[in-house]
C-alpha atoms as a PDB file:
ATOM      1  CA  MET A   1     -16.694 -49.768 -14.692  1.00  0.00           C
ATOM      2  CA  MET A   2     -17.630 -53.198 -13.402  1.00  0.00           C
ATOM      3  CA  LYS A   3     -20.924 -52.986 -15.290  1.00  0.00           C
ATOM      4  CA  THR A   4     -19.065 -52.220 -18.503  1.00  0.00           C
ATOM      5  CA  VAL A   5     -16.787 -55.236 -18.102  1.00  0.00           C
ATOM      6  CA  ARG A   6     -19.748 -57.525 -17.332  1.00  0.00           C
ATOM      7  CA  ALA A   7     -21.677 -56.205 -20.311  1.00  0.00           C
ATOM      8  CA  GLY A   8     -18.640 -56.842 -22.505  1.00  0.00           C
ATOM      9  CA  LEU A   9     -18.311 -60.396 -21.167  1.00  0.00           C
ATOM     10  CA  LEU A  10     -21.976 -61.133 -21.814  1.00  0.00           C
ATOM     11  CA  ALA A  11     -21.668 -59.744 -25.327  1.00  0.00           C
ATOM     12  CA  ALA A  12     -18.596 -61.933 -25.954  1.00  0.00           C
ATOM     13  CA  VAL A  13     -20.312 -65.111 -24.667  1.00  0.00           C
ATOM     14  CA  SER A  14     -23.435 -64.421 -26.704  1.00  0.00           C
ATOM     15  CA  GLY A  15     -21.262 -63.685 -29.723  1.00  0.00           C
ATOM     16  CA  VAL A  16     -19.479 -67.055 -29.300  1.00  0.00           C
ATOM     17  CA  SER A  17     -22.814 -68.842 -29.071  1.00  0.00           C
ATOM     18  CA  LEU A  18     -24.050 -67.080 -32.206  1.00  0.00           C
ATOM     19  CA  LEU A  19     -20.888 -68.075 -33.991  1.00  0.00           C
ATOM     20  CA  ALA A  20     -21.362 -71.639 -32.859  1.00  0.00           C
ATOM     21  CA  MET A  21     -24.832 -71.674 -34.298  1.00  0.00           C
ATOM     22  CA  ALA A  22     -23.707 -70.129 -37.554  1.00  0.00           C
ATOM     23  CA  ALA A  23     -20.666 -72.376 -37.899  1.00  0.00           C
ATOM     24  CA  PRO A  24     -21.913 -74.870 -40.475  1.00  0.00           C
ATOM     25  CA  GLY A  25     -22.644 -72.165 -43.000  1.00  0.00           C
ATOM     26  CA  ALA A  26     -19.412 -70.375 -42.206  1.00  0.00           C
ATOM     27  CA  TYR A  27     -17.341 -73.424 -43.023  1.00  0.00           C
ATOM     28  CA  ALA A  28     -19.010 -73.635 -46.323  1.00  0.00           C
ATOM     29  CA  ALA A  29     -18.048 -70.037 -46.945  1.00  0.00           C
ATOM     30  CA  GLY A  30     -14.349 -70.790 -46.457  1.00  0.00           C
ATOM     31  CA  MET A  31     -13.795 -70.246 -42.736  1.00  0.00           C
ATOM     32  CA  PRO A  32     -12.434 -73.506 -41.240  1.00  0.00           C
ATOM     33  CA  GLN A  33     -11.750 -71.859 -37.845  1.00  0.00           C
ATOM     34  CA  LEU A  34     -15.517 -71.655 -37.334  1.00  0.00           C
ATOM     35  CA  ASP A  35     -16.171 -75.332 -38.015  1.00  0.00           C
ATOM     36  CA  PHE A  36     -17.519 -76.414 -34.634  1.00  0.00           C
ATOM     37  CA  HIS A  37     -17.852 -80.046 -35.757  1.00  0.00           C
ATOM     38  CA  ASN A  38     -14.078 -80.238 -35.534  1.00  0.00           C
ATOM     39  CA  PRO A  39     -13.111 -81.199 -31.921  1.00  0.00           C
ATOM     40  CA  LEU A  40     -10.021 -78.890 -31.996  1.00  0.00           C
ATOM     41  CA  VAL A  41     -12.071 -75.801 -32.746  1.00  0.00           C
ATOM     42  CA  THR A  42     -14.574 -76.686 -30.044  1.00  0.00           C
ATOM     43  CA  GLY A  43     -11.754 -77.225 -27.512  1.00  0.00           C
ATOM     44  CA  GLN A  44     -10.124 -73.967 -28.479  1.00  0.00           C
ATOM     45  CA  VAL A  45     -13.387 -72.106 -28.099  1.00  0.00           C
ATOM     46  CA  ILE A  46     -14.068 -73.722 -24.698  1.00  0.00           C
ATOM     47  CA  TRP A  47     -10.524 -73.043 -23.439  1.00  0.00           C
ATOM     48  CA  GLY A  48     -10.698 -69.498 -24.783  1.00  0.00           C
ATOM     49  CA  ALA A  49     -13.949 -68.937 -22.872  1.00  0.00           C
ATOM     50  CA  VAL A  50     -12.436 -70.470 -19.678  1.00  0.00           C
ATOM     51  CA  ILE A  51      -9.318 -68.326 -19.965  1.00  0.00           C
ATOM     52  CA  PHE A  52     -11.418 -65.260 -20.695  1.00  0.00           C
ATOM     53  CA  LEU A  53     -13.637 -66.053 -17.701  1.00  0.00           C
ATOM     54  CA  GLY A  54     -10.492 -66.501 -15.533  1.00  0.00           C
ATOM     55  CA  PHE A  55      -9.093 -63.164 -16.686  1.00  0.00           C
ATOM     56  CA  TYR A  56     -12.451 -61.575 -16.084  1.00  0.00           C
ATOM     57  CA  LEU A  57     -12.660 -62.983 -12.550  1.00  0.00           C
ATOM     58  CA  VAL A  58      -9.073 -61.958 -11.726  1.00  0.00           C
ATOM     59  CA  LEU A  59      -9.638 -58.480 -13.144  1.00  0.00           C
ATOM     60  CA  SER A  60     -13.043 -57.959 -11.549  1.00  0.00           C
ATOM     61  CA  ARG A  61     -12.203 -59.438  -8.125  1.00  0.00           C
ATOM     62  CA  VAL A  62      -8.544 -58.453  -7.677  1.00  0.00           C
ATOM     63  CA  MET A  63      -7.272 -55.854 -10.119  1.00  0.00           C
ATOM     64  CA  LEU A  64     -10.281 -53.572 -10.583  1.00  0.00           C
ATOM     65  CA  PRO A  65     -10.857 -53.081  -6.803  1.00  0.00           C
ATOM     66  CA  ARG A  66      -7.188 -52.158  -6.452  1.00  0.00           C
ATOM     67  CA  VAL A  67      -7.421 -49.721  -9.331  1.00  0.00           C
ATOM     68  CA  GLY A  68     -10.662 -48.373  -7.805  1.00  0.00           C
ATOM     69  CA  ARG A  69      -8.944 -47.906  -4.436  1.00  0.00           C
ATOM     70  CA  VAL A  70      -5.993 -46.177  -6.116  1.00  0.00           C
ATOM     71  CA  LEU A  71      -8.352 -43.870  -8.011  1.00  0.00           C
ATOM     72  CA  GLU A  72     -10.361 -43.201  -4.851  1.00  0.00           C
ATOM     73  CA  ASP A  73      -7.188 -42.526  -2.834  1.00  0.00           C
ATOM     74  CA  ARG A  74      -5.955 -40.237  -5.567  1.00  0.00           C
ATOM     75  CA  SER A  75      -9.291 -38.426  -5.676  1.00  0.00           C
ATOM     76  CA  THR A  76      -9.237 -38.069  -1.874  1.00  0.00           C
ATOM     77  CA  ARG A  77      -5.644 -36.818  -1.941  1.00  0.00           C
ATOM     78  CA  ILE A  78      -6.449 -34.303  -4.684  1.00  0.00           C
ATOM     79  CA  SER A  79      -9.539 -33.162  -2.778  1.00  0.00           C
ATOM     80  CA  ASN A  80      -7.489 -32.778   0.431  1.00  0.00           C
ATOM     81  CA  ASP A  81      -4.749 -30.926  -1.452  1.00  0.00           C
ATOM     82  CA  LEU A  82      -7.367 -28.609  -2.943  1.00  0.00           C
ATOM     83  CA  ASP A  83      -8.832 -27.995   0.522  1.00  0.00           C
ATOM     84  CA  VAL A  84      -5.346 -27.217   1.868  1.00  0.00           C
ATOM     85  CA  ALA A  85      -4.686 -24.943  -1.112  1.00  0.00           C
ATOM     86  CA  ARG A  86      -8.006 -23.118  -0.555  1.00  0.00           C
ATOM     87  CA  ALA A  87      -7.219 -22.690   3.145  1.00  0.00           C
ATOM     88  CA  ALA A  88      -3.719 -21.437   2.282  1.00  0.00           C
ATOM     89  CA  LYS A  89      -5.199 -19.020  -0.270  1.00  0.00           C
ATOM     90  CA  GLN A  90      -7.668 -17.731   2.329  1.00  0.00           C
ATOM     91  CA  ASP A  91      -4.820 -17.295   4.822  1.00  0.00           C
ATOM     92  CA  ALA A  92      -2.732 -15.532   2.183  1.00  0.00           C
ATOM     93  CA  ASP A  93      -5.656 -13.265   1.228  1.00  0.00           C
ATOM     94  CA  LYS A  94      -6.240 -12.499   4.910  1.00  0.00           C
ATOM     95  CA  ALA A  95      -2.529 -11.756   5.398  1.00  0.00           C
ATOM     96  CA  VAL A  96      -2.522  -9.485   2.322  1.00  0.00           C
ATOM     97  CA  ALA A  97      -5.615  -7.665   3.619  1.00  0.00           C
ATOM     98  CA  GLU A  98      -3.993  -7.261   7.052  1.00  0.00           C
ATOM     99  CA  LEU A  99      -0.783  -6.025   5.413  1.00  0.00           C
ATOM    100  CA  GLN A 100      -2.688  -3.488   3.327  1.00  0.00           C
ATOM    101  CA  GLN A 101      -4.614  -2.334   6.400  1.00  0.00           C
ATOM    102  CA  ALA A 102      -1.381  -2.059   8.386  1.00  0.00           C
ATOM    103  CA  ARG A 103       0.144  -0.081   5.524  1.00  0.00           C
ATOM    104  CA  LYS A 104      -2.850   2.262   5.455  1.00  0.00           C
ATOM    105  CA  ASP A 105      -2.718   2.655   9.237  1.00  0.00           C
ATOM    106  CA  ALA A 106       1.026   3.330   9.155  1.00  0.00           C
ATOM    107  CA  LEU A 107       0.563   5.866   6.369  1.00  0.00           C
ATOM    108  CA  ALA A 108      -2.233   7.596   8.292  1.00  0.00           C
ATOM    109  CA  GLU A 109      -0.120   7.598  11.468  1.00  0.00           C
ATOM    110  CA  ALA A 110       2.889   8.959   9.594  1.00  0.00           C
ATOM    111  CA  GLN A 111       0.703  11.660   8.046  1.00  0.00           C
ATOM    112  CA  ALA A 112      -0.693  12.546  11.480  1.00  0.00           C
ATOM    113  CA  ASN A 113       2.819  12.640  12.996  1.00  0.00           C
ATOM    114  CA  LEU A 114       4.040  14.785  10.105  1.00  0.00           C
ATOM    115  CA  GLN A 115       1.107  17.170  10.518  1.00  0.00           C
ATOM    116  CA  LYS A 116       1.705  17.284  14.270  1.00  0.00           C
ATOM    117  CA  ALA A 117       5.405  18.039  13.740  1.00  0.00           C
ATOM    118  CA  LEU A 118       4.540  20.724  11.175  1.00  0.00           C
ATOM    119  CA  ASP A 119       2.005  22.285  13.566  1.00  0.00           C
ATOM    120  CA  GLU A 120       4.559  22.273  16.394  1.00  0.00           C
ATOM    121  CA  GLU A 121       7.183  23.824  14.131  1.00  0.00           C
ATOM    122  CA  GLN A 122       4.704  26.457  12.982  1.00  0.00           C
ATOM    123  CA  ARG A 123       3.780  27.279  16.587  1.00  0.00           C
ATOM    124  CA  ALA A 124       7.467  27.447  17.531  1.00  0.00           C
ATOM    125  CA  ALA A 125       8.185  29.682  14.526  1.00  0.00           C
ATOM    126  CA  GLU A 126       5.251  31.949  15.408  1.00  0.00           C
ATOM    127  CA  GLN A 127       6.421  32.149  19.029  1.00  0.00           C
ATOM    128  CA  LYS A 128       9.960  32.891  17.879  1.00  0.00           C
ATOM    129  CA  MET A 129       8.611  35.545  15.520  1.00  0.00           C
ATOM    130  CA  GLN A 130       6.580  37.104  18.334  1.00  0.00           C
ATOM    131  CA  GLU A 131       9.675  37.121  20.553  1.00  0.00           C
ATOM    132  CA  ILE A 132      11.719  38.719  17.770  1.00  0.00           C
ATOM    133  CA  ASN A 133       8.956  41.281  17.120  1.00  0.00           C
ATOM    134  CA  ALA A 134       8.710  42.083  20.849  1.00  0.00           C
ATOM    135  CA  ARG A 135      12.489  42.465  21.044  1.00  0.00           C
ATOM    136  CA  LEU A 136      12.493  44.647  17.908  1.00  0.00           C
ATOM    137  CA  VAL A 137       9.666  46.785  19.297  1.00  0.00           C
ATOM    138  CA  SER A 138      11.600  47.130  22.546  1.00  0.00           C
ATOM    139  CA  GLU A 139      14.826  47.983  20.726  1.00  0.00           C
ATOM    140  CA  ILE A 140      13.011  50.432  18.443  1.00  0.00           C
ATOM    141  CA  SER A 141      11.370  52.067  21.476  1.00  0.00           C
ATOM    142  CA  GLU A 142      14.716  52.324  23.234  1.00  0.00           C
ATOM    143  CA  ALA A 143      16.325  53.721  20.069  1.00  0.00           C
ATOM    144  CA  GLU A 144      13.523  56.262  19.693  1.00  0.00           C
ATOM    145  CA  GLN A 145      13.966  57.253  23.337  1.00  0.00           C
ATOM    146  CA  ARG A 146      17.714  57.642  22.819  1.00  0.00           C
ATOM    147  CA  VAL A 147      17.129  59.632  19.627  1.00  0.00           C
ATOM    148  CA  ALA A 148      14.604  61.834  21.442  1.00  0.00           C
ATOM    149  CA  ALA A 149      17.035  62.321  24.349  1.00  0.00           C
ATOM    150  CA  GLU A 150      19.854  63.133  21.948  1.00  0.00           C
ATOM    151  CA  LYS A 151      17.562  65.437  20.031  1.00  0.00           C
ATOM    152  CA  SER A 152      16.475  67.276  23.166  1.00  0.00           C
ATOM    153  CA  ARG A 153      20.076  67.477  24.365  1.00  0.00           C
ATOM    154  CA  ALA A 154      21.110  68.726  20.916  1.00  0.00           C
ATOM    155  CA  PHE A 155      18.315  71.286  20.974  1.00  0.00           C
ATOM    156  CA  ALA A 156      19.327  72.332  24.475  1.00  0.00           C
ATOM    157  CA  ALA A 157      22.914  72.712  23.330  1.00  0.00           C
ATOM    158  CA  LEU A 158      21.693  74.406  20.182  1.00  0.00           C
ATOM    159  CA  LYS A 159      19.680  76.927  22.259  1.00  0.00           C
ATOM    160  CA  ASP A 160      22.775  77.855  24.213  1.00  0.00           C
ATOM    161  CA  ILE A 161      24.830  78.130  21.032  1.00  0.00           C
ATOM    162  CA  ALA A 162      22.075  80.152  19.308  1.00  0.00           C
ATOM    163  CA  ALA A 163      21.774  82.485  22.300  1.00  0.00           C
ATOM    164  CA  ASP A 164      25.563  83.034  22.438  1.00  0.00           C
ATOM    165  CA  THR A 165      25.771  83.491  18.658  1.00  0.00           C
ATOM    166  CA  THR A 166      22.833  85.919  18.679  1.00  0.00           C
ATOM    167  CA  GLN A 167      24.405  87.989  21.461  1.00  0.00           C
ATOM    168  CA  ALA A 168      27.718  88.061  19.639  1.00  0.00           C
ATOM    169  CA  LEU A 169      26.093  89.120  16.356  1.00  0.00           C
ATOM    170  CA  VAL A 170      23.988  91.823  18.016  1.00  0.00           C
ATOM    171  CA  SER A 171      27.090  93.136  19.815  1.00  0.00           C
ATOM    172  CA  ARG A 172      29.073  93.290  16.658  1.00  0.00           C
ATOM    173  CA  LEU A 173      26.353  94.757  14.543  1.00  0.00           C
ATOM    174  CA  THR A 174      25.144  97.327  17.053  1.00  0.00           C
ATOM    175  CA  GLY A 175      28.196  97.703  19.164  1.00  0.00           C
ATOM    176  CA  THR A 176      26.133  97.319  22.357  1.00  0.00           C
ATOM    177  CA  ALA A 177      25.583  94.180  24.385  1.00  0.00           C
ATOM    178  CA  ALA A 178      22.200  92.489  23.851  1.00  0.00           C
ATOM    179  CA  ASP A 179      19.833  91.760  26.680  1.00  0.00           C
ATOM    180  CA  ALA A 180      20.487  88.097  27.589  1.00  0.00           C
ATOM    181  CA  SER A 181      16.911  87.416  28.793  1.00  0.00           C
ATOM    182  CA  LEU A 182      15.424  88.853  25.595  1.00  0.00           C
ATOM    183  CA  VAL A 183      17.790  86.795  23.428  1.00  0.00           C
ATOM    184  CA  ALA A 184      16.967  83.656  25.451  1.00  0.00           C
ATOM    185  CA  GLN A 185      13.243  84.323  25.058  1.00  0.00           C
ATOM    186  CA  LYS A 186      13.498  84.779  21.274  1.00  0.00           C
ATOM    187  CA  VAL A 187      15.673  81.652  20.862  1.00  0.00           C
ATOM    188  CA  GLU A 188      13.149  79.698  22.964  1.00  0.00           C
ATOM    189  CA  GLY A 189      10.279  80.881  20.768  1.00  0.00           C
ATOM    190  CA  ALA A 190      12.154  79.980  17.564  1.00  0.00           C
ATOM    191  CA  SER A 191      13.095  76.513  18.859  1.00  0.00           C
ATOM    192  CA  ALA A 192       9.490  75.877  19.929  1.00  0.00           C
ATOM    193  CA  HIS A 193       8.369  76.799  16.444  1.00  0.00           C
ATOM    194  CA  LEU A 194      11.001  74.425  14.899  1.00  0.00           C
ATOM    195  CA  SER A 195      10.125  71.470  17.139  1.00  0.00           C
ATOM    196  CA  LEU A 196       6.478  71.574  15.971  1.00  0.00           C
END
């Protein structure tokens, strides 16, 4: 930037000197402000160059370094802010990755706990079913034993009733009493044939 200002100043000074050299012809062309034979125009040109040189010195020595420092400070601040923003983004990305990993871990743990609970419930249900089946088998066995006992008692009672009924029928039909041992033997044979 300083080089640009210096180049502009050199161009302006050389332009003034060219104008000074071309002044006599310019006056003839109708430009009295370029008549350097007039002491007022020469004074104005000299004071203009001094003022321009003063502005140039003030700008180049005082103002431009301040502007340069401000621009450099601003550039440094922007660079620092960008570094902080990048670090914050990296931290945020890391936190998001950790959160996603924690979510995956929690989901896997919940799935494992659910599967474990389901397995325990299934084992408990199977055990309960085995207990119920064992109890049912026991109750069925007891019921079958009771039925068999009742059946044998009924058959025993039925044998006595059949023997008495047979003796009564034989007595009525024949008029003589039937042999009790023969009737008992025949009833026993018939009941054995029925129980098969």
